[in-house]
Amino acid sequence: MMYRHWFLSVVIGFGISLGTHLTLRAESPDTAPVELKALITQIDAAANRQDIERIQSLYSDQYVTADGLMLDEFTQSLKALWKDYPDLEYTTEILSWEKKGTGWVAETLTTVIGNNQERGRKIQLEAKIKSRQTFQGDKLIRQEILSEETRLTSGENPPEVTVNIPETVKVGEEFDFDVIVDDPLRDELLAGMAMLEKVDSDRYLDPSTMQLELLQSGGLFKRVPAAEEQQNRWLSAILVRSEGITMITHRVRIID
């Protein structure tokens, strides 16, 4: 069995940071400026309407992500995802913020939910993206994804899973990626696969294919080898049983 998947940060987090990790002198979200709240609300509203022209107008003309995704590629992948999930709903809350020159830096949490019908099967999507966004004037100019989780489920009773994975690890360190099925399997067969990929613009536009294998235990347990340099990685897993399918993707940031 083979499954394809999209990496959701391209539409949920609206890009990746161009700069280095910043230390945010956090101000309460209750004190966030009206202009900052309005910009974030406008981005959510445009995404909920699937208004690609309005989305483009909220980005700087020089916008490019650290993943190498240019604005044209970004909008192309956005349209493709909206085609698959025509009812995506975006909600963003400000976690903290800081005045930065004539603009702002804000840490936000965006939740996205939606549904897709494929070959008569309903697929439910839920994703959460925590990010640090930099605004200048009325434009989004930079963003850094701090954490990312996407979960796709299908069927009457998809596997309930617990995921153990770090958000950040240091260069040269190994780490574990465990996806544990919460329900007892009894005599039921379970198939699945875990996959590791470096975050790359090509993966946004050409999602990978996952080849499933029968599992001998109640989950997936993967030891991830150390990276030799700073990078972002996607760790994905899919679990399939007779009553449903669960697929999750997490981002891990590898830092000095």
C-alpha atoms as a PDB file:
ATOM      1  CA  MET A   1       0.000   0.000   0.000  1.00  0.00           C
ATOM      2  CA  MET A   2       1.293   3.470  -0.852  1.00  0.00           C
ATOM      3  CA  TYR A   3       0.228   6.902   0.415  1.00  0.00           C
ATOM      4  CA  ARG A   4       1.197  10.433  -0.518  1.00  0.00           C
ATOM      5  CA  HIS A   5       1.166  13.386   1.848  1.00  0.00           C
ATOM      6  CA  TRP A   6       1.581  17.148   1.960  1.00  0.00           C
ATOM      7  CA  PHE A   7       3.737  19.036   4.405  1.00  0.00           C
ATOM      8  CA  LEU A   8       1.371  21.607   5.861  1.00  0.00           C
ATOM      9  CA  SER A   9       3.656  24.352   7.118  1.00  0.00           C
ATOM     10  CA  VAL A  10       3.625  25.881   3.658  1.00  0.00           C
ATOM     11  CA  VAL A  11       0.013  26.970   4.219  1.00  0.00           C
ATOM     12  CA  ILE A  12      -0.285  26.922   7.980  1.00  0.00           C
ATOM     13  CA  GLY A  13       2.830  28.736   9.010  1.00  0.00           C
ATOM     14  CA  PHE A  14       3.003  30.912   5.864  1.00  0.00           C
ATOM     15  CA  GLY A  15       6.702  30.336   5.307  1.00  0.00           C
ATOM     16  CA  ILE A  16       9.962  29.895   7.188  1.00  0.00           C
ATOM     17  CA  SER A  17      12.307  32.436   8.710  1.00  0.00           C
ATOM     18  CA  LEU A  18      14.951  34.181   6.627  1.00  0.00           C
ATOM     19  CA  GLY A  19      16.923  35.086   9.705  1.00  0.00           C
ATOM     20  CA  THR A  20      18.497  33.536  12.761  1.00  0.00           C
ATOM     21  CA  HIS A  21      16.846  32.583  16.011  1.00  0.00           C
ATOM     22  CA  LEU A  22      15.785  35.677  17.947  1.00  0.00           C
ATOM     23  CA  THR A  23      15.330  36.194  21.661  1.00  0.00           C
ATOM     24  CA  LEU A  24      11.868  37.660  22.086  1.00  0.00           C
ATOM     25  CA  ARG A  25      11.266  39.983  25.019  1.00  0.00           C
ATOM     26  CA  ALA A  26       7.762  38.672  25.395  1.00  0.00           C
ATOM     27  CA  GLU A  27       4.894  41.079  25.908  1.00  0.00           C
ATOM     28  CA  SER A  28       1.451  39.807  26.873  1.00  0.00           C
ATOM     29  CA  PRO A  29      -0.862  39.047  23.939  1.00  0.00           C
ATOM     30  CA  ASP A  30      -3.489  41.179  25.692  1.00  0.00           C
ATOM     31  CA  THR A  31      -1.359  44.277  25.014  1.00  0.00           C
ATOM     32  CA  ALA A  32      -0.689  43.541  21.330  1.00  0.00           C
ATOM     33  CA  PRO A  33      -1.206  46.614  19.084  1.00  0.00           C
ATOM     34  CA  VAL A  34      -4.444  46.840  17.155  1.00  0.00           C
ATOM     35  CA  GLU A  35      -2.476  47.033  13.875  1.00  0.00           C
ATOM     36  CA  LEU A  36      -0.656  43.764  14.601  1.00  0.00           C
ATOM     37  CA  LYS A  37      -3.872  41.967  15.502  1.00  0.00           C
ATOM     38  CA  ALA A  38      -5.467  43.301  12.332  1.00  0.00           C
ATOM     39  CA  LEU A  39      -2.646  41.999  10.099  1.00  0.00           C
ATOM     40  CA  ILE A  40      -2.845  38.510  11.570  1.00  0.00           C
ATOM     41  CA  THR A  41      -6.634  38.540  11.274  1.00  0.00           C
ATOM     42  CA  GLN A  42      -6.348  39.574   7.616  1.00  0.00           C
ATOM     43  CA  ILE A  43      -3.986  36.675   6.853  1.00  0.00           C
ATOM     44  CA  ASP A  44      -6.378  34.199   8.473  1.00  0.00           C
ATOM     45  CA  ALA A  45      -9.372  35.698   6.672  1.00  0.00           C
ATOM     46  CA  ALA A  46      -7.665  35.576   3.265  1.00  0.00           C
ATOM     47  CA  ALA A  47      -6.633  31.955   3.824  1.00  0.00           C
ATOM     48  CA  ASN A  48     -10.155  31.009   4.929  1.00  0.00           C
ATOM     49  CA  ARG A  49     -11.553  32.587   1.748  1.00  0.00           C
ATOM     50  CA  GLN A  50      -8.766  30.955  -0.275  1.00  0.00           C
ATOM     51  CA  ASP A  51      -8.065  34.392  -1.700  1.00  0.00           C
ATOM     52  CA  ILE A  52      -4.653  33.964  -3.297  1.00  0.00           C
ATOM     53  CA  GLU A  53      -4.387  37.575  -4.481  1.00  0.00           C
ATOM     54  CA  ARG A  54      -5.018  38.909  -0.996  1.00  0.00           C
ATOM     55  CA  ILE A  55      -2.472  36.476   0.438  1.00  0.00           C
ATOM     56  CA  GLN A  56       0.124  37.737  -2.038  1.00  0.00           C
ATOM     57  CA  SER A  57      -0.634  41.353  -1.136  1.00  0.00           C
ATOM     58  CA  LEU A  58       0.208  40.637   2.516  1.00  0.00           C
ATOM     59  CA  TYR A  59       3.733  39.482   1.656  1.00  0.00           C
ATOM     60  CA  SER A  60       6.797  41.528   0.826  1.00  0.00           C
ATOM     61  CA  ASP A  61       7.822  41.455  -2.855  1.00  0.00           C
ATOM     62  CA  GLN A  62      11.198  40.088  -1.700  1.00  0.00           C
ATOM     63  CA  TYR A  63       9.632  37.219   0.226  1.00  0.00           C
ATOM     64  CA  VAL A  64      11.486  33.873   0.144  1.00  0.00           C
ATOM     65  CA  THR A  65      11.669  31.111   2.727  1.00  0.00           C
ATOM     66  CA  ALA A  66      14.743  29.529   4.272  1.00  0.00           C
ATOM     67  CA  ASP A  67      13.520  26.280   2.682  1.00  0.00           C
ATOM     68  CA  GLY A  68      14.168  27.865  -0.716  1.00  0.00           C
ATOM     69  CA  LEU A  69      10.490  28.356  -1.555  1.00  0.00           C
ATOM     70  CA  MET A  70       9.928  31.457  -3.696  1.00  0.00           C
ATOM     71  CA  LEU A  71       6.610  33.307  -3.659  1.00  0.00           C
ATOM     72  CA  ASP A  72       5.431  31.774  -6.964  1.00  0.00           C
ATOM     73  CA  GLU A  73       6.163  28.250  -5.708  1.00  0.00           C
ATOM     74  CA  PHE A  74       4.497  29.071  -2.423  1.00  0.00           C
ATOM     75  CA  THR A  75       1.246  30.146  -4.098  1.00  0.00           C
ATOM     76  CA  GLN A  76       1.381  27.148  -6.436  1.00  0.00           C
ATOM     77  CA  SER A  77       1.558  24.684  -3.544  1.00  0.00           C
ATOM     78  CA  LEU A  78      -1.088  26.666  -1.671  1.00  0.00           C
ATOM     79  CA  LYS A  79      -3.534  26.298  -4.553  1.00  0.00           C
ATOM     80  CA  ALA A  80      -2.813  22.568  -4.774  1.00  0.00           C
ATOM     81  CA  LEU A  81      -3.548  22.069  -1.092  1.00  0.00           C
ATOM     82  CA  TRP A  82      -6.727  24.138  -1.247  1.00  0.00           C
ATOM     83  CA  LYS A  83      -7.874  21.957  -4.124  1.00  0.00           C
ATOM     84  CA  ASP A  84      -7.432  18.872  -1.939  1.00  0.00           C
ATOM     85  CA  TYR A  85      -8.905  20.521   1.180  1.00  0.00           C
ATOM     86  CA  PRO A  86     -11.530  23.039  -0.002  1.00  0.00           C
ATOM     87  CA  ASP A  87     -12.875  23.806   3.486  1.00  0.00           C
ATOM     88  CA  LEU A  88      -9.674  24.540   5.427  1.00  0.00           C
ATOM     89  CA  GLU A  89     -10.273  26.794   8.426  1.00  0.00           C
ATOM     90  CA  TYR A  90      -7.414  28.835   9.910  1.00  0.00           C
ATOM     91  CA  THR A  91      -7.324  30.292  13.422  1.00  0.00           C
ATOM     92  CA  THR A  92      -4.269  32.171  14.742  1.00  0.00           C
ATOM     93  CA  GLU A  93      -3.672  33.438  18.258  1.00  0.00           C
ATOM     94  CA  ILE A  94      -0.858  35.694  19.441  1.00  0.00           C
ATOM     95  CA  LEU A  95       1.224  34.088  22.198  1.00  0.00           C
ATOM     96  CA  SER A  96       3.633  37.003  22.719  1.00  0.00           C
ATOM     97  CA  TRP A  97       4.967  39.995  20.814  1.00  0.00           C
ATOM     98  CA  GLU A  98       7.711  42.618  20.731  1.00  0.00           C
ATOM     99  CA  LYS A  99       8.123  45.991  19.056  1.00  0.00           C
ATOM    100  CA  LYS A 100      10.951  45.816  16.500  1.00  0.00           C
ATOM    101  CA  GLY A 101      11.892  49.125  14.878  1.00  0.00           C
ATOM    102  CA  THR A 102       8.829  50.233  12.943  1.00  0.00           C
ATOM    103  CA  GLY A 103       7.346  46.726  12.958  1.00  0.00           C
ATOM    104  CA  TRP A 104       6.686  43.818  15.274  1.00  0.00           C
ATOM    105  CA  VAL A 105       7.884  40.313  16.012  1.00  0.00           C
ATOM    106  CA  ALA A 106       5.137  38.008  17.244  1.00  0.00           C
ATOM    107  CA  GLU A 107       5.043  34.390  18.362  1.00  0.00           C
ATOM    108  CA  THR A 108       1.793  32.833  17.189  1.00  0.00           C
ATOM    109  CA  LEU A 109      -0.050  29.527  17.244  1.00  0.00           C
ATOM    110  CA  THR A 110      -2.069  28.673  14.148  1.00  0.00           C
ATOM    111  CA  THR A 111      -4.585  25.832  14.100  1.00  0.00           C
ATOM    112  CA  VAL A 112      -5.906  24.490  10.801  1.00  0.00           C
ATOM    113  CA  ILE A 113      -8.708  21.977  10.355  1.00  0.00           C
ATOM    114  CA  GLY A 114     -10.339  20.651   7.197  1.00  0.00           C
ATOM    115  CA  ASN A 115     -11.644  17.651   5.281  1.00  0.00           C
ATOM    116  CA  ASN A 116     -10.949  15.938   1.986  1.00  0.00           C
ATOM    117  CA  GLN A 117     -12.923  13.344   0.040  1.00  0.00           C
ATOM    118  CA  GLU A 118     -10.734  10.886  -1.859  1.00  0.00           C
ATOM    119  CA  ARG A 119     -12.193   7.833  -3.612  1.00  0.00           C
ATOM    120  CA  GLY A 120     -15.191   7.937  -1.290  1.00  0.00           C
ATOM    121  CA  ARG A 121     -13.015   8.144   1.816  1.00  0.00           C
ATOM    122  CA  LYS A 122     -13.198  11.180   4.117  1.00  0.00           C
ATOM    123  CA  ILE A 123      -9.842  12.452   5.371  1.00  0.00           C
ATOM    124  CA  GLN A 124      -9.767  14.806   8.345  1.00  0.00           C
ATOM    125  CA  LEU A 125      -6.868  17.180   8.856  1.00  0.00           C
ATOM    126  CA  GLU A 126      -5.786  18.966  12.021  1.00  0.00           C
ATOM    127  CA  ALA A 127      -2.524  20.860  12.294  1.00  0.00           C
ATOM    128  CA  LYS A 128      -0.848  23.187  14.764  1.00  0.00           C
ATOM    129  CA  ILE A 129       2.038  25.507  13.894  1.00  0.00           C
ATOM    130  CA  LYS A 130       3.892  27.641  16.420  1.00  0.00           C
ATOM    131  CA  SER A 131       5.949  30.315  14.718  1.00  0.00           C
ATOM    132  CA  ARG A 132       7.813  33.574  15.134  1.00  0.00           C
ATOM    133  CA  GLN A 133       6.605  36.134  12.579  1.00  0.00           C
ATOM    134  CA  THR A 134       8.161  39.470  11.656  1.00  0.00           C
ATOM    135  CA  PHE A 135       5.913  42.207  10.283  1.00  0.00           C
ATOM    136  CA  GLN A 136       7.024  45.466   8.679  1.00  0.00           C
ATOM    137  CA  GLY A 137       4.334  47.973   7.783  1.00  0.00           C
ATOM    138  CA  ASP A 138       1.432  45.972   6.379  1.00  0.00           C
ATOM    139  CA  LYS A 139       3.572  43.047   5.159  1.00  0.00           C
ATOM    140  CA  LEU A 140       4.757  39.729   6.545  1.00  0.00           C
ATOM    141  CA  ILE A 141       8.501  39.711   5.841  1.00  0.00           C
ATOM    142  CA  ARG A 142       9.942  36.792   7.855  1.00  0.00           C
ATOM    143  CA  GLN A 143       8.880  33.741   9.806  1.00  0.00           C
ATOM    144  CA  GLU A 144      10.486  30.932  11.767  1.00  0.00           C
ATOM    145  CA  ILE A 145       8.606  27.716  12.444  1.00  0.00           C
ATOM    146  CA  LEU A 146       9.213  26.796  16.094  1.00  0.00           C
ATOM    147  CA  SER A 147       7.083  23.649  16.160  1.00  0.00           C
ATOM    148  CA  GLU A 148       4.818  21.874  13.698  1.00  0.00           C
ATOM    149  CA  GLU A 149       2.426  18.941  13.972  1.00  0.00           C
ATOM    150  CA  THR A 150       0.057  17.735  11.270  1.00  0.00           C
ATOM    151  CA  ARG A 151      -2.365  14.871  11.824  1.00  0.00           C
ATOM    152  CA  LEU A 152      -4.492  13.206   9.130  1.00  0.00           C
ATOM    153  CA  THR A 153      -7.121  10.613  10.031  1.00  0.00           C
ATOM    154  CA  SER A 154      -9.585   8.563   8.043  1.00  0.00           C
ATOM    155  CA  GLY A 155     -12.097   5.807   8.761  1.00  0.00           C
ATOM    156  CA  GLU A 156     -14.578   4.989  11.512  1.00  0.00           C
ATOM    157  CA  ASN A 157     -11.919   4.266  14.123  1.00  0.00           C
ATOM    158  CA  PRO A 158      -8.447   5.498  13.144  1.00  0.00           C
ATOM    159  CA  PRO A 159      -5.624   4.503  15.509  1.00  0.00           C
ATOM    160  CA  GLU A 160      -5.257   6.796  18.526  1.00  0.00           C
ATOM    161  CA  VAL A 161      -1.537   7.417  18.924  1.00  0.00           C
ATOM    162  CA  THR A 162       0.916   9.002  21.340  1.00  0.00           C
ATOM    163  CA  VAL A 163       3.951  10.635  19.737  1.00  0.00           C
ATOM    164  CA  ASN A 164       7.282  10.989  21.523  1.00  0.00           C
ATOM    165  CA  ILE A 165       9.670  13.298  19.662  1.00  0.00           C
ATOM    166  CA  PRO A 166      11.756  16.358  20.617  1.00  0.00           C
ATOM    167  CA  GLU A 167      11.095  19.758  19.034  1.00  0.00           C
ATOM    168  CA  THR A 168      14.804  20.596  18.961  1.00  0.00           C
ATOM    169  CA  VAL A 169      18.038  18.597  19.140  1.00  0.00           C
ATOM    170  CA  LYS A 170      21.681  19.595  18.858  1.00  0.00           C
ATOM    171  CA  VAL A 171      23.940  18.941  15.898  1.00  0.00           C
ATOM    172  CA  GLY A 172      25.617  15.559  16.359  1.00  0.00           C
ATOM    173  CA  GLU A 173      22.876  14.115  18.598  1.00  0.00           C
ATOM    174  CA  GLU A 174      20.719  11.098  17.795  1.00  0.00           C
ATOM    175  CA  PHE A 175      17.097  11.049  18.924  1.00  0.00           C
ATOM    176  CA  ASP A 176      14.059   8.760  19.033  1.00  0.00           C
ATOM    177  CA  PHE A 177      10.825   9.034  17.086  1.00  0.00           C
ATOM    178  CA  ASP A 178       8.167   6.835  18.707  1.00  0.00           C
ATOM    179  CA  VAL A 179       4.533   6.599  17.560  1.00  0.00           C
ATOM    180  CA  ILE A 180       2.644   4.341  19.963  1.00  0.00           C
ATOM    181  CA  VAL A 181      -0.879   3.021  19.349  1.00  0.00           C
ATOM    182  CA  ASP A 182      -2.915   3.670  22.485  1.00  0.00           C
ATOM    183  CA  ASP A 183      -5.564   0.987  21.883  1.00  0.00           C
ATOM    184  CA  PRO A 184      -4.763  -2.731  22.341  1.00  0.00           C
ATOM    185  CA  LEU A 185      -4.405  -4.453  18.970  1.00  0.00           C
ATOM    186  CA  ARG A 186      -5.561  -7.930  20.069  1.00  0.00           C
ATOM    187  CA  ASP A 187      -5.560 -10.038  16.869  1.00  0.00           C
ATOM    188  CA  GLU A 188      -5.849  -7.073  14.507  1.00  0.00           C
ATOM    189  CA  LEU A 189      -3.219  -6.483  11.827  1.00  0.00           C
ATOM    190  CA  LEU A 190      -1.395  -3.156  11.801  1.00  0.00           C
ATOM    191  CA  ALA A 191       0.589  -1.714   8.899  1.00  0.00           C
ATOM    192  CA  GLY A 192       2.683   1.401   8.800  1.00  0.00           C
ATOM    193  CA  MET A 193       5.906   3.219   8.084  1.00  0.00           C
ATOM    194  CA  ALA A 194       8.054   5.986   9.539  1.00  0.00           C
ATOM    195  CA  MET A 195       9.970   8.365   7.299  1.00  0.00           C
ATOM    196  CA  LEU A 196      12.615  11.056   7.772  1.00  0.00           C
ATOM    197  CA  GLU A 197      13.149  13.917   5.319  1.00  0.00           C
ATOM    198  CA  LYS A 198      15.119  17.132   5.371  1.00  0.00           C
ATOM    199  CA  VAL A 199      12.828  20.138   5.035  1.00  0.00           C
ATOM    200  CA  ASP A 200      13.178  21.163   1.398  1.00  0.00           C
ATOM    201  CA  SER A 201      11.155  23.221  -1.061  1.00  0.00           C
ATOM    202  CA  ASP A 202      10.895  20.255  -3.452  1.00  0.00           C
ATOM    203  CA  ARG A 203       8.886  18.316  -0.903  1.00  0.00           C
ATOM    204  CA  TYR A 204       6.230  21.032  -0.778  1.00  0.00           C
ATOM    205  CA  LEU A 205       5.637  20.739  -4.494  1.00  0.00           C
ATOM    206  CA  ASP A 206       6.227  17.001  -4.896  1.00  0.00           C
ATOM    207  CA  PRO A 207       5.144  15.136  -1.735  1.00  0.00           C
ATOM    208  CA  SER A 208       6.807  11.825  -1.008  1.00  0.00           C
ATOM    209  CA  THR A 209       5.249   8.396  -1.321  1.00  0.00           C
ATOM    210  CA  MET A 210       5.145   6.104   1.717  1.00  0.00           C
ATOM    211  CA  GLN A 211       5.326   2.336   1.258  1.00  0.00           C
ATOM    212  CA  LEU A 212       3.560   0.460   4.071  1.00  0.00           C
ATOM    213  CA  GLU A 213       4.753  -2.709   5.809  1.00  0.00           C
ATOM    214  CA  LEU A 214       3.078  -5.018   8.319  1.00  0.00           C
ATOM    215  CA  LEU A 215       4.166  -4.228  11.882  1.00  0.00           C
ATOM    216  CA  GLN A 216       5.000  -6.706  14.604  1.00  0.00           C
ATOM    217  CA  SER A 217       4.284  -4.318  17.491  1.00  0.00           C
ATOM    218  CA  GLY A 218       1.785  -1.657  18.527  1.00  0.00           C
ATOM    219  CA  GLY A 219       3.507   1.278  16.909  1.00  0.00           C
ATOM    220  CA  LEU A 220       6.585   2.591  15.152  1.00  0.00           C
ATOM    221  CA  PHE A 221       9.928   3.107  16.877  1.00  0.00           C
ATOM    222  CA  LYS A 222      12.713   4.807  14.961  1.00  0.00           C
ATOM    223  CA  ARG A 223      16.200   5.843  16.063  1.00  0.00           C
ATOM    224  CA  VAL A 224      17.099   8.923  14.035  1.00  0.00           C
ATOM    225  CA  PRO A 225      20.798   9.348  13.168  1.00  0.00           C
ATOM    226  CA  ALA A 226      22.615  12.541  14.088  1.00  0.00           C
ATOM    227  CA  ALA A 227      22.843  15.429  11.645  1.00  0.00           C
ATOM    228  CA  GLU A 228      26.176  17.078  10.950  1.00  0.00           C
ATOM    229  CA  GLU A 229      24.782  20.584  10.450  1.00  0.00           C
ATOM    230  CA  GLN A 230      21.896  22.830  11.425  1.00  0.00           C
ATOM    231  CA  GLN A 231      18.740  21.950   9.520  1.00  0.00           C
ATOM    232  CA  ASN A 232      15.035  21.252   9.855  1.00  0.00           C
ATOM    233  CA  ARG A 233      13.689  17.741   9.444  1.00  0.00           C
ATOM    234  CA  TRP A 234      10.229  16.314   8.926  1.00  0.00           C
ATOM    235  CA  LEU A 235       9.463  13.056  10.741  1.00  0.00           C
ATOM    236  CA  SER A 236       6.351  11.333   9.416  1.00  0.00           C
ATOM    237  CA  ALA A 237       4.532   8.149  10.320  1.00  0.00           C
ATOM    238  CA  ILE A 238       1.449   6.414   9.011  1.00  0.00           C
ATOM    239  CA  LEU A 239      -0.476   3.638  10.777  1.00  0.00           C
ATOM    240  CA  VAL A 240      -3.238   1.634   9.085  1.00  0.00           C
ATOM    241  CA  ARG A 241      -5.677  -0.887  10.509  1.00  0.00           C
ATOM    242  CA  SER A 242      -8.994  -2.268   9.277  1.00  0.00           C
ATOM    243  CA  GLU A 243     -11.091   0.536  10.807  1.00  0.00           C
ATOM    244  CA  GLY A 244      -8.996   3.536   9.915  1.00  0.00           C
ATOM    245  CA  ILE A 245      -5.773   5.372   9.143  1.00  0.00           C
ATOM    246  CA  THR A 246      -3.712   7.889  11.114  1.00  0.00           C
ATOM    247  CA  MET A 247      -0.826   9.877   9.703  1.00  0.00           C
ATOM    248  CA  ILE A 248       1.280  12.411  11.590  1.00  0.00           C
ATOM    249  CA  THR A 249       4.146  14.737  10.647  1.00  0.00           C
ATOM    250  CA  HIS A 250       6.376  16.606  13.108  1.00  0.00           C
ATOM    251  CA  ARG A 251       9.135  19.117  12.456  1.00  0.00           C
ATOM    252  CA  VAL A 252      12.400  18.783  14.409  1.00  0.00           C
ATOM    253  CA  ARG A 253      14.836  21.696  14.441  1.00  0.00           C
ATOM    254  CA  ILE A 254      18.499  20.717  14.639  1.00  0.00           C
ATOM    255  CA  ILE A 255      20.505  23.562  16.167  1.00  0.00           C
ATOM    256  CA  ASP A 256      24.012  24.309  17.418  1.00  0.00           C
END
